[in-house]
Amino acid sequence: MNRSTATELPSLTRMAKILSRTKDGILSYFNHLISSQEMEDANEKIKMLQRHS
């Protein structure tokens, strides 16, 4: 990542910074095969119930 942040290409530098910030979450998915999709589905159902009540 150090080489990509040393470049003068803004898009490559931005991508390197994003990957640096999010690498723990990305790697955690591959280690545990758990995503936040189930929680997102539950939140969407709650929102739908709130709209209809």
Protein backbone atom coordinates (compact mmCIF):
# COMPACT_ATOMS: atom_id res chain seq x y z
CA MET A 1 0.00 0.00 0.00
CA ASN A 2 2.89 2.36 0.62
CA ARG A 3 3.82 2.36 -3.05
CA SER A 4 0.26 3.17 -4.09
CA THR A 5 0.03 6.12 -1.71
CA ALA A 6 3.36 7.43 -3.00
CA THR A 7 2.02 7.65 -6.54
CA GLU A 8 0.58 10.81 -7.98
CA LEU A 9 -2.56 9.09 -9.27
CA PRO A 10 -5.38 10.43 -7.06
CA SER A 11 -7.73 7.52 -7.74
CA LEU A 12 -5.09 4.94 -6.79
CA THR A 13 -4.21 6.88 -3.64
CA ARG A 14 -7.91 7.12 -2.69
CA MET A 15 -8.42 3.38 -3.27
CA ALA A 16 -5.37 2.55 -1.13
CA LYS A 17 -6.71 4.68 1.71
CA ILE A 18 -10.14 3.02 1.51
CA LEU A 19 -8.62 -0.46 1.55
CA SER A 20 -6.41 0.50 4.46
CA ARG A 21 -9.43 1.66 6.50
CA THR A 22 -11.64 -1.31 5.63
CA LYS A 23 -9.16 -4.19 5.46
CA ASP A 24 -10.08 -5.58 8.90
CA GLY A 25 -13.74 -5.94 7.95
CA ILE A 26 -12.93 -7.40 4.55
CA LEU A 27 -10.51 -9.95 5.97
CA SER A 28 -12.91 -10.77 8.81
CA TYR A 29 -15.53 -11.84 6.28
CA PHE A 30 -13.14 -14.32 4.68
CA ASN A 31 -12.01 -15.66 8.07
CA HIS A 32 -15.51 -16.18 9.50
CA LEU A 33 -17.77 -16.16 6.40
CA ILE A 34 -20.22 -13.88 8.17
CA SER A 35 -21.64 -10.78 6.56
CA SER A 36 -23.98 -8.11 7.82
CA GLN A 37 -26.70 -9.12 5.35
CA GLU A 38 -28.83 -10.83 8.01
CA MET A 39 -28.79 -7.69 10.16
CA GLU A 40 -29.60 -5.51 7.16
CA ASP A 41 -32.56 -7.76 6.32
CA ALA A 42 -33.86 -7.53 9.89
CA ASN A 43 -33.52 -3.73 9.86
CA GLU A 44 -35.41 -3.53 6.57
CA LYS A 45 -38.26 -5.67 7.97
CA ILE A 46 -38.47 -3.43 11.06
CA LYS A 47 -38.63 -0.32 8.88
CA MET A 48 -41.34 -1.89 6.73
CA LEU A 49 -43.41 -2.78 9.82
CA GLN A 50 -43.00 0.75 11.17
CA ARG A 51 -44.21 2.25 7.89
CA HIS A 52 -47.28 0.00 7.81
CA SER A 53 -48.34 0.55 11.41
